[in-house]
Amino acid sequence: MPSAATPLGQPPRQTIGLTGADGSLLLRLTVVPFALAIGRYFVLSWRGAGETPEALMARDLLMLVAGVSWVIVYSIGLYV
Protein backbone atom coordinates (compact mmCIF):
# COMPACT_ATOMS: atom_id res chain seq x y z
CA MET A 1 0.00 0.00 0.00
CA PRO A 2 1.55 3.35 -1.03
CA SER A 3 2.07 5.92 1.66
CA ALA A 4 0.48 9.39 1.53
CA ALA A 5 3.88 11.08 1.05
CA THR A 6 4.66 9.26 -2.19
CA PRO A 7 2.09 9.65 -4.97
CA LEU A 8 1.28 6.50 -6.92
CA GLY A 9 3.85 4.48 -5.02
CA GLN A 10 6.87 6.36 -6.38
CA PRO A 11 9.94 6.63 -4.19
CA PRO A 12 10.46 9.97 -2.44
CA ARG A 13 12.45 12.54 -4.39
CA GLN A 14 16.01 12.94 -3.18
CA THR A 15 18.13 16.04 -3.61
CA ILE A 16 21.67 15.75 -4.86
CA GLY A 17 24.26 18.38 -4.01
CA LEU A 18 23.71 22.12 -4.44
CA THR A 19 21.34 21.95 -7.37
CA GLY A 20 18.93 19.38 -6.00
CA ALA A 21 17.34 16.77 -8.20
CA ASP A 22 15.77 19.37 -10.49
CA GLY A 23 18.05 22.39 -10.00
CA SER A 24 15.40 24.20 -8.00
CA LEU A 25 17.81 25.69 -5.46
CA LEU A 26 19.90 27.40 -8.11
CA LEU A 27 16.80 28.61 -9.90
CA ARG A 28 15.63 30.16 -6.64
CA LEU A 29 19.03 31.82 -6.19
CA THR A 30 18.55 33.73 -9.44
CA VAL A 31 16.43 36.14 -7.44
CA VAL A 32 19.54 37.54 -5.72
CA PRO A 33 21.36 39.05 -8.76
CA PHE A 34 18.02 40.15 -10.23
CA ALA A 35 17.10 41.99 -7.02
CA LEU A 36 20.56 43.59 -6.89
CA ALA A 37 20.17 44.86 -10.45
CA ILE A 38 16.69 46.25 -9.76
CA GLY A 39 17.90 47.91 -6.56
CA ARG A 40 20.87 49.41 -8.36
CA TYR A 41 18.57 50.76 -11.08
CA PHE A 42 16.38 52.43 -8.43
CA VAL A 43 19.43 53.99 -6.74
CA LEU A 44 20.75 55.32 -10.03
CA SER A 45 17.37 56.68 -11.05
CA TRP A 46 17.07 58.45 -7.69
CA ARG A 47 20.44 60.07 -8.33
CA GLY A 48 19.18 61.46 -11.63
CA ALA A 49 20.70 58.90 -14.01
CA GLY A 50 17.26 57.54 -14.93
CA GLU A 51 17.98 56.15 -18.35
CA THR A 52 16.58 53.01 -19.88
CA PRO A 53 17.73 49.82 -18.13
CA GLU A 54 19.60 48.75 -21.28
CA ALA A 55 21.68 51.94 -21.32
CA LEU A 56 22.46 51.69 -17.62
CA MET A 57 23.34 48.00 -17.97
CA ALA A 58 25.96 48.84 -20.57
CA ARG A 59 27.36 51.75 -18.55
CA ASP A 60 27.21 50.58 -14.92
CA LEU A 61 29.62 47.83 -13.88
CA LEU A 62 27.54 46.55 -10.94
CA MET A 63 24.45 46.08 -13.12
CA LEU A 64 26.55 44.35 -15.76
CA VAL A 65 28.03 41.94 -13.20
CA ALA A 66 24.55 41.26 -11.76
CA GLY A 67 23.20 40.52 -15.24
CA VAL A 68 26.04 38.19 -16.13
CA SER A 69 25.82 36.38 -12.80
CA TRP A 70 22.06 35.96 -13.27
CA VAL A 71 22.62 34.36 -16.69
CA ILE A 72 25.29 32.02 -15.28
CA VAL A 73 23.24 30.90 -12.26
CA TYR A 74 20.09 30.49 -14.36
CA SER A 75 21.93 28.46 -17.01
CA ILE A 76 23.50 26.17 -14.44
CA GLY A 77 20.14 25.76 -12.71
CA LEU A 78 18.47 24.75 -15.96
CA TYR A 79 21.09 22.42 -17.40
CA VAL A 80 22.47 20.70 -14.31
PDB file of N, CA and C in Angstrom:
ATOM      1  N   MET A   1       0.834  -1.179   0.000  1.00  0.00           N
ATOM      2  CA  MET A   1       0.000   0.000   0.000  1.00  0.00           C
ATOM      3  C   MET A   1       0.879   1.244   0.000  1.00  0.00           C
ATOM      4  N   PRO A   2       0.705   2.156  -0.976  1.00  0.00           N
ATOM      5  CA  PRO A   2       1.550   3.347  -1.032  1.00  0.00           C
ATOM      6  C   PRO A   2       1.237   4.312   0.104  1.00  0.00           C
ATOM      7  N   SER A   3       2.276   4.958   0.576  1.00  0.00           N
ATOM      8  CA  SER A   3       2.072   5.921   1.663  1.00  0.00           C
ATOM      9  C   SER A   3       1.551   7.237   1.090  1.00  0.00           C
ATOM     10  N   ALA A   4       1.055   8.111   1.966  1.00  0.00           N
ATOM     11  CA  ALA A   4       0.484   9.386   1.527  1.00  0.00           C
ATOM     12  C   ALA A   4       1.557  10.340   1.012  1.00  0.00           C
ATOM     13  N   ALA A   5       2.811  10.165   1.451  1.00  0.00           N
ATOM     14  CA  ALA A   5       3.879  11.078   1.050  1.00  0.00           C
ATOM     15  C   ALA A   5       4.382  10.787  -0.352  1.00  0.00           C
ATOM     16  N   THR A   6       4.172   9.597  -0.859  1.00  0.00           N
ATOM     17  CA  THR A   6       4.660   9.258  -2.189  1.00  0.00           C
ATOM     18  C   THR A   6       3.471   8.990  -3.112  1.00  0.00           C
ATOM     19  N   PRO A   7       3.224   9.866  -4.080  1.00  0.00           N
ATOM     20  CA  PRO A   7       2.087   9.654  -4.967  1.00  0.00           C
ATOM     21  C   PRO A   7       2.303   8.455  -5.884  1.00  0.00           C
ATOM     22  N   LEU A   8       1.296   7.657  -6.027  1.00  0.00           N
ATOM     23  CA  LEU A   8       1.284   6.504  -6.922  1.00  0.00           C
ATOM     24  C   LEU A   8       2.404   5.511  -6.638  1.00  0.00           C
ATOM     25  N   GLY A   9       2.857   5.448  -5.399  1.00  0.00           N
ATOM     26  CA  GLY A   9       3.853   4.476  -5.018  1.00  0.00           C
ATOM     27  C   GLY A   9       5.267   4.787  -5.486  1.00  0.00           C
ATOM     28  N   GLN A  10       5.521   5.995  -5.939  1.00  0.00           N
ATOM     29  CA  GLN A  10       6.866   6.365  -6.382  1.00  0.00           C
ATOM     30  C   GLN A  10       7.750   6.610  -5.175  1.00  0.00           C
ATOM     31  N   PRO A  11       9.042   6.361  -5.313  1.00  0.00           N
ATOM     32  CA  PRO A  11       9.945   6.628  -4.185  1.00  0.00           C
ATOM     33  C   PRO A  11      10.055   8.129  -3.951  1.00  0.00           C
ATOM     34  N   PRO A  12      10.338   8.539  -2.725  1.00  0.00           N
ATOM     35  CA  PRO A  12      10.464   9.974  -2.445  1.00  0.00           C
ATOM     36  C   PRO A  12      11.619  10.587  -3.237  1.00  0.00           C
ATOM     37  N   ARG A  13      11.441  11.829  -3.615  1.00  0.00           N
ATOM     38  CA  ARG A  13      12.448  12.539  -4.395  1.00  0.00           C
ATOM     39  C   ARG A  13      13.621  12.905  -3.498  1.00  0.00           C
ATOM     40  N   GLN A  14      14.831  12.630  -3.961  1.00  0.00           N
ATOM     41  CA  GLN A  14      16.014  12.937  -3.180  1.00  0.00           C
ATOM     42  C   GLN A  14      16.773  14.064  -3.860  1.00  0.00           C
ATOM     43  N   THR A  15      17.327  14.959  -3.050  1.00  0.00           N
ATOM     44  CA  THR A  15      18.128  16.040  -3.608  1.00  0.00           C
ATOM     45  C   THR A  15      19.585  15.620  -3.655  1.00  0.00           C
ATOM     46  N   ILE A  16      20.277  16.113  -4.654  1.00  0.00           N
ATOM     47  CA  ILE A  16      21.670  15.750  -4.858  1.00  0.00           C
ATOM     48  C   ILE A  16      22.488  17.035  -4.924  1.00  0.00           C
ATOM     49  N   GLY A  17      23.360  17.255  -3.979  1.00  0.00           N
ATOM     50  CA  GLY A  17      24.265  18.383  -4.010  1.00  0.00           C
ATOM     51  C   GLY A  17      23.564  19.737  -3.920  1.00  0.00           C
ATOM     52  N   LEU A  18      24.190  20.753  -4.510  1.00  0.00           N
ATOM     53  CA  LEU A  18      23.706  22.123  -4.441  1.00  0.00           C
ATOM     54  C   LEU A  18      22.491  22.348  -5.312  1.00  0.00           C
ATOM     55  N   THR A  19      22.418  21.673  -6.439  1.00  0.00           N
ATOM     56  CA  THR A  19      21.341  21.954  -7.372  1.00  0.00           C
ATOM     57  C   THR A  19      20.073  21.218  -7.044  1.00  0.00           C
ATOM     58  N   GLY A  20      20.113  20.181  -6.262  1.00  0.00           N
ATOM     59  CA  GLY A  20      18.933  19.377  -6.003  1.00  0.00           C
ATOM     60  C   GLY A  20      18.677  18.477  -7.195  1.00  0.00           C
ATOM     61  N   ALA A  21      17.638  17.705  -7.122  1.00  0.00           N
ATOM     62  CA  ALA A  21      17.344  16.773  -8.201  1.00  0.00           C
ATOM     63  C   ALA A  21      16.891  17.492  -9.465  1.00  0.00           C
ATOM     64  N   ASP A  22      16.265  18.651  -9.321  1.00  0.00           N
ATOM     65  CA  ASP A  22      15.775  19.368 -10.491  1.00  0.00           C
ATOM     66  C   ASP A  22      16.385  20.752 -10.643  1.00  0.00           C
ATOM     67  N   GLY A  23      17.411  21.089  -9.892  1.00  0.00           N
ATOM     68  CA  GLY A  23      18.047  22.389 -10.000  1.00  0.00           C
ATOM     69  C   GLY A  23      17.256  23.512  -9.362  1.00  0.00           C
ATOM     70  N   SER A  24      16.291  23.184  -8.534  1.00  0.00           N
ATOM     71  CA  SER A  24      15.396  24.204  -8.002  1.00  0.00           C
ATOM     72  C   SER A  24      16.101  25.192  -7.080  1.00  0.00           C
ATOM     73  N   LEU A  25      17.118  24.770  -6.350  1.00  0.00           N
ATOM     74  CA  LEU A  25      17.809  25.692  -5.457  1.00  0.00           C
ATOM     75  C   LEU A  25      18.522  26.777  -6.253  1.00  0.00           C
ATOM     76  N   LEU A  26      19.214  26.397  -7.307  1.00  0.00           N
ATOM     77  CA  LEU A  26      19.899  27.398  -8.114  1.00  0.00           C
ATOM     78  C   LEU A  26      18.915  28.301  -8.842  1.00  0.00           C
ATOM     79  N   LEU A  27      17.795  27.763  -9.260  1.00  0.00           N
ATOM     80  CA  LEU A  27      16.795  28.612  -9.902  1.00  0.00           C
ATOM     81  C   LEU A  27      16.211  29.607  -8.913  1.00  0.00           C
ATOM     82  N   ARG A  28      16.097  29.213  -7.662  1.00  0.00           N
ATOM     83  CA  ARG A  28      15.634  30.158  -6.643  1.00  0.00           C
ATOM     84  C   ARG A  28      16.684  31.217  -6.342  1.00  0.00           C
ATOM     85  N   LEU A  29      17.949  30.856  -6.449  1.00  0.00           N
ATOM     86  CA  LEU A  29      19.027  31.815  -6.190  1.00  0.00           C
ATOM     87  C   LEU A  29      19.163  32.869  -7.274  1.00  0.00           C
ATOM     88  N   THR A  30      18.491  32.704  -8.401  1.00  0.00           N
ATOM     89  CA  THR A  30      18.549  33.728  -9.445  1.00  0.00           C
ATOM     90  C   THR A  30      17.863  35.011  -9.012  1.00  0.00           C
ATOM     91  N   VAL A  31      17.097  34.948  -7.949  1.00  0.00           N
ATOM     92  CA  VAL A  31      16.434  36.145  -7.438  1.00  0.00           C
ATOM     93  C   VAL A  31      17.459  37.148  -6.909  1.00  0.00           C
ATOM     94  N   VAL A  32      18.554  36.667  -6.354  1.00  0.00           N
ATOM     95  CA  VAL A  32      19.539  37.541  -5.723  1.00  0.00           C
ATOM     96  C   VAL A  32      20.174  38.512  -6.716  1.00  0.00           C
ATOM     97  N   PRO A  33      20.784  38.061  -7.835  1.00  0.00           N
ATOM     98  CA  PRO A  33      21.356  39.049  -8.763  1.00  0.00           C
ATOM     99  C   PRO A  33      20.287  39.914  -9.427  1.00  0.00           C
ATOM    100  N   PHE A  34      19.090  39.361  -9.627  1.00  0.00           N
ATOM    101  CA  PHE A  34      18.019  40.154 -10.225  1.00  0.00           C
ATOM    102  C   PHE A  34      17.601  41.271  -9.277  1.00  0.00           C
ATOM    103  N   ALA A  35      17.465  40.973  -7.996  1.00  0.00           N
ATOM    104  CA  ALA A  35      17.096  41.995  -7.016  1.00  0.00           C
ATOM    105  C   ALA A  35      18.189  43.043  -6.870  1.00  0.00           C
ATOM    106  N   LEU A  36      19.458  42.617  -6.945  1.00  0.00           N
ATOM    107  CA  LEU A  36      20.557  43.588  -6.895  1.00  0.00           C
ATOM    108  C   LEU A  36      20.517  44.538  -8.088  1.00  0.00           C
ATOM    109  N   ALA A  37      20.237  44.011  -9.258  1.00  0.00           N
ATOM    110  CA  ALA A  37      20.166  44.862 -10.451  1.00  0.00           C
ATOM    111  C   ALA A  37      18.994  45.834 -10.368  1.00  0.00           C
ATOM    112  N   ILE A  38      17.846  45.370  -9.901  1.00  0.00           N
ATOM    113  CA  ILE A  38      16.686  46.251  -9.760  1.00  0.00           C
ATOM    114  C   ILE A  38      16.960  47.328  -8.708  1.00  0.00           C
ATOM    115  N   GLY A  39      17.558  46.929  -7.591  1.00  0.00           N
ATOM    116  CA  GLY A  39      17.904  47.907  -6.559  1.00  0.00           C
ATOM    117  C   GLY A  39      18.898  48.934  -7.048  1.00  0.00           C
ATOM    118  N   ARG A  40      19.882  48.477  -7.806  1.00  0.00           N
ATOM    119  CA  ARG A  40      20.873  49.414  -8.359  1.00  0.00           C
ATOM    120  C   ARG A  40      20.226  50.376  -9.346  1.00  0.00           C
ATOM    121  N   TYR A  41      19.282  49.887 -10.134  1.00  0.00           N
ATOM    122  CA  TYR A  41      18.574  50.759 -11.080  1.00  0.00           C
ATOM    123  C   TYR A  41      17.781  51.833 -10.332  1.00  0.00           C
ATOM    124  N   PHE A  42      17.123  51.450  -9.222  1.00  0.00           N
ATOM    125  CA  PHE A  42      16.384  52.435  -8.435  1.00  0.00           C
ATOM    126  C   PHE A  42      17.305  53.476  -7.828  1.00  0.00           C
ATOM    127  N   VAL A  43      18.465  53.045  -7.320  1.00  0.00           N
ATOM    128  CA  VAL A  43      19.429  53.988  -6.741  1.00  0.00           C
ATOM    129  C   VAL A  43      19.926  54.956  -7.804  1.00  0.00           C
ATOM    130  N   LEU A  44      20.266  54.444  -8.970  1.00  0.00           N
ATOM    131  CA  LEU A  44      20.754  55.320 -10.032  1.00  0.00           C
ATOM    132  C   LEU A  44      19.666  56.256 -10.543  1.00  0.00           C
ATOM    133  N   SER A  45      18.438  55.799 -10.596  1.00  0.00           N
ATOM    134  CA  SER A  45      17.370  56.677 -11.051  1.00  0.00           C
ATOM    135  C   SER A  45      17.060  57.758 -10.021  1.00  0.00           C
ATOM    136  N   TRP A  46      17.234  57.436  -8.727  1.00  0.00           N
ATOM    137  CA  TRP A  46      17.069  58.455  -7.689  1.00  0.00           C
ATOM    138  C   TRP A  46      18.149  59.523  -7.782  1.00  0.00           C
ATOM    139  N   ARG A  47      19.329  59.128  -8.207  1.00  0.00           N
ATOM    140  CA  ARG A  47      20.436  60.074  -8.329  1.00  0.00           C
ATOM    141  C   ARG A  47      20.355  60.908  -9.605  1.00  0.00           C
ATOM    142  N   GLY A  48      19.356  60.658 -10.431  1.00  0.00           N
ATOM    143  CA  GLY A  48      19.179  61.461 -11.635  1.00  0.00           C
ATOM    144  C   GLY A  48      19.715  60.813 -12.896  1.00  0.00           C
ATOM    145  N   ALA A  49      20.188  59.597 -12.821  1.00  0.00           N
ATOM    146  CA  ALA A  49      20.697  58.903 -14.006  1.00  0.00           C
ATOM    147  C   ALA A  49      19.630  57.957 -14.538  1.00  0.00           C
ATOM    148  N   GLY A  50      18.378  58.405 -14.552  1.00  0.00           N
ATOM    149  CA  GLY A  50      17.264  57.539 -14.927  1.00  0.00           C
ATOM    150  C   GLY A  50      17.154  57.318 -16.415  1.00  0.00           C
ATOM    151  N   GLU A  51      18.025  56.514 -16.944  1.00  0.00           N
ATOM    152  CA  GLU A  51      17.980  56.149 -18.351  1.00  0.00           C
ATOM    153  C   GLU A  51      17.210  54.844 -18.491  1.00  0.00           C
ATOM    154  N   THR A  52      17.187  54.325 -19.682  1.00  0.00           N
ATOM    155  CA  THR A  52      16.581  53.015 -19.876  1.00  0.00           C
ATOM    156  C   THR A  52      17.477  51.965 -19.222  1.00  0.00           C
ATOM    157  N   PRO A  53      16.906  50.849 -18.771  1.00  0.00           N
ATOM    158  CA  PRO A  53      17.730  49.825 -18.134  1.00  0.00           C
ATOM    159  C   PRO A  53      18.831  49.288 -19.051  1.00  0.00           C
ATOM    160  N   GLU A  54      18.572  49.248 -20.349  1.00  0.00           N
ATOM    161  CA  GLU A  54      19.602  48.754 -21.280  1.00  0.00           C
ATOM    162  C   GLU A  54      20.808  49.687 -21.319  1.00  0.00           C
ATOM    163  N   ALA A  55      20.568  50.982 -21.299  1.00  0.00           N
ATOM    164  CA  ALA A  55      21.680  51.943 -21.324  1.00  0.00           C
ATOM    165  C   ALA A  55      22.465  51.894 -20.019  1.00  0.00           C
ATOM    166  N   LEU A  56      21.757  51.778 -18.897  1.00  0.00           N
ATOM    167  CA  LEU A  56      22.456  51.688 -17.617  1.00  0.00           C
ATOM    168  C   LEU A  56      23.216  50.375 -17.478  1.00  0.00           C
ATOM    169  N   MET A  57      22.675  49.311 -18.034  1.00  0.00           N
ATOM    170  CA  MET A  57      23.337  48.003 -17.970  1.00  0.00           C
ATOM    171  C   MET A  57      24.675  48.055 -18.697  1.00  0.00           C
ATOM    172  N   ALA A  58      24.719  48.749 -19.810  1.00  0.00           N
ATOM    173  CA  ALA A  58      25.958  48.837 -20.573  1.00  0.00           C
ATOM    174  C   ALA A  58      26.964  49.777 -19.913  1.00  0.00           C
ATOM    175  N   ARG A  59      26.478  50.736 -19.128  1.00  0.00           N
ATOM    176  CA  ARG A  59      27.358  51.750 -18.553  1.00  0.00           C
ATOM    177  C   ARG A  59      27.789  51.428 -17.125  1.00  0.00           C
ATOM    178  N   ASP A  60      26.929  50.823 -16.335  1.00  0.00           N
ATOM    179  CA  ASP A  60      27.207  50.584 -14.923  1.00  0.00           C
ATOM    180  C   ASP A  60      27.779  49.182 -14.718  1.00  0.00           C
ATOM    181  N   LEU A  61      28.928  49.112 -14.072  1.00  0.00           N
ATOM    182  CA  LEU A  61      29.617  47.835 -13.884  1.00  0.00           C
ATOM    183  C   LEU A  61      28.851  46.895 -12.953  1.00  0.00           C
ATOM    184  N   LEU A  62      28.260  47.404 -11.880  1.00  0.00           N
ATOM    185  CA  LEU A  62      27.536  46.548 -10.944  1.00  0.00           C
ATOM    186  C   LEU A  62      26.317  45.907 -11.603  1.00  0.00           C
ATOM    187  N   MET A  63      25.603  46.655 -12.421  1.00  0.00           N
ATOM    188  CA  MET A  63      24.453  46.078 -13.123  1.00  0.00           C
ATOM    189  C   MET A  63      24.902  45.056 -14.158  1.00  0.00           C
ATOM    190  N   LEU A  64      26.027  45.300 -14.790  1.00  0.00           N
ATOM    191  CA  LEU A  64      26.550  44.351 -15.760  1.00  0.00           C
ATOM    192  C   LEU A  64      26.962  43.044 -15.078  1.00  0.00           C
ATOM    193  N   VAL A  65      27.624  43.137 -13.946  1.00  0.00           N
ATOM    194  CA  VAL A  65      28.025  41.945 -13.197  1.00  0.00           C
ATOM    195  C   VAL A  65      26.791  41.191 -12.691  1.00  0.00           C
ATOM    196  N   ALA A  66      25.783  41.912 -12.222  1.00  0.00           N
ATOM    197  CA  ALA A  66      24.555  41.262 -11.756  1.00  0.00           C
ATOM    198  C   ALA A  66      23.850  40.544 -12.904  1.00  0.00           C
ATOM    199  N   GLY A  67      23.826  41.155 -14.078  1.00  0.00           N
ATOM    200  CA  GLY A  67      23.199  40.521 -15.237  1.00  0.00           C
ATOM    201  C   GLY A  67      23.930  39.269 -15.683  1.00  0.00           C
ATOM    202  N   VAL A  68      25.246  39.346 -15.720  1.00  0.00           N
ATOM    203  CA  VAL A  68      26.043  38.187 -16.130  1.00  0.00           C
ATOM    204  C   VAL A  68      25.929  37.062 -15.095  1.00  0.00           C
ATOM    205  N   SER A  69      25.951  37.419 -13.819  1.00  0.00           N
ATOM    206  CA  SER A  69      25.823  36.378 -12.798  1.00  0.00           C
ATOM    207  C   SER A  69      24.431  35.754 -12.822  1.00  0.00           C
ATOM    208  N   TRP A  70      23.400  36.534 -13.145  1.00  0.00           N
ATOM    209  CA  TRP A  70      22.058  35.960 -13.271  1.00  0.00           C
ATOM    210  C   TRP A  70      22.025  34.943 -14.404  1.00  0.00           C
ATOM    211  N   VAL A  71      22.609  35.282 -15.540  1.00  0.00           N
ATOM    212  CA  VAL A  71      22.625  34.361 -16.689  1.00  0.00           C
ATOM    213  C   VAL A  71      23.378  33.080 -16.333  1.00  0.00           C
ATOM    214  N   ILE A  72      24.495  33.205 -15.641  1.00  0.00           N
ATOM    215  CA  ILE A  72      25.288  32.023 -15.279  1.00  0.00           C
ATOM    216  C   ILE A  72      24.524  31.126 -14.309  1.00  0.00           C
ATOM    217  N   VAL A  73      23.965  31.710 -13.257  1.00  0.00           N
ATOM    218  CA  VAL A  73      23.240  30.901 -12.262  1.00  0.00           C
ATOM    219  C   VAL A  73      21.995  30.280 -12.884  1.00  0.00           C
ATOM    220  N   TYR A  74      21.290  31.019 -13.718  1.00  0.00           N
ATOM    221  CA  TYR A  74      20.087  30.495 -14.364  1.00  0.00           C
ATOM    222  C   TYR A  74      20.439  29.344 -15.313  1.00  0.00           C
ATOM    223  N   SER A  75      21.519  29.513 -16.092  1.00  0.00           N
ATOM    224  CA  SER A  75      21.926  28.461 -17.006  1.00  0.00           C
ATOM    225  C   SER A  75      22.341  27.188 -16.279  1.00  0.00           C
ATOM    226  N   ILE A  76      23.095  27.346 -15.220  1.00  0.00           N
ATOM    227  CA  ILE A  76      23.505  26.174 -14.444  1.00  0.00           C
ATOM    228  C   ILE A  76      22.285  25.519 -13.817  1.00  0.00           C
ATOM    229  N   GLY A  77      21.343  26.322 -13.322  1.00  0.00           N
ATOM    230  CA  GLY A  77      20.138  25.762 -12.712  1.00  0.00           C
ATOM    231  C   GLY A  77      19.278  25.001 -13.705  1.00  0.00           C
ATOM    232  N   LEU A  78      19.269  25.436 -14.944  1.00  0.00           N
ATOM    233  CA  LEU A  78      18.465  24.747 -15.956  1.00  0.00           C
ATOM    234  C   LEU A  78      19.123  23.479 -16.487  1.00  0.00           C
ATOM    235  N   TYR A  79      20.425  23.514 -16.685  1.00  0.00           N
ATOM    236  CA  TYR A  79      21.087  22.422 -17.404  1.00  0.00           C
ATOM    237  C   TYR A  79      21.828  21.449 -16.513  1.00  0.00           C
ATOM    238  N   VAL A  80      21.800  21.648 -15.211  1.00  0.00           N
ATOM    239  CA  VAL A  80      22.474  20.698 -14.314  1.00  0.00           C
ATOM    240  C   VAL A  80      21.438  19.841 -13.638  1.00  0.00           C
TER     241      VAL A  80
END
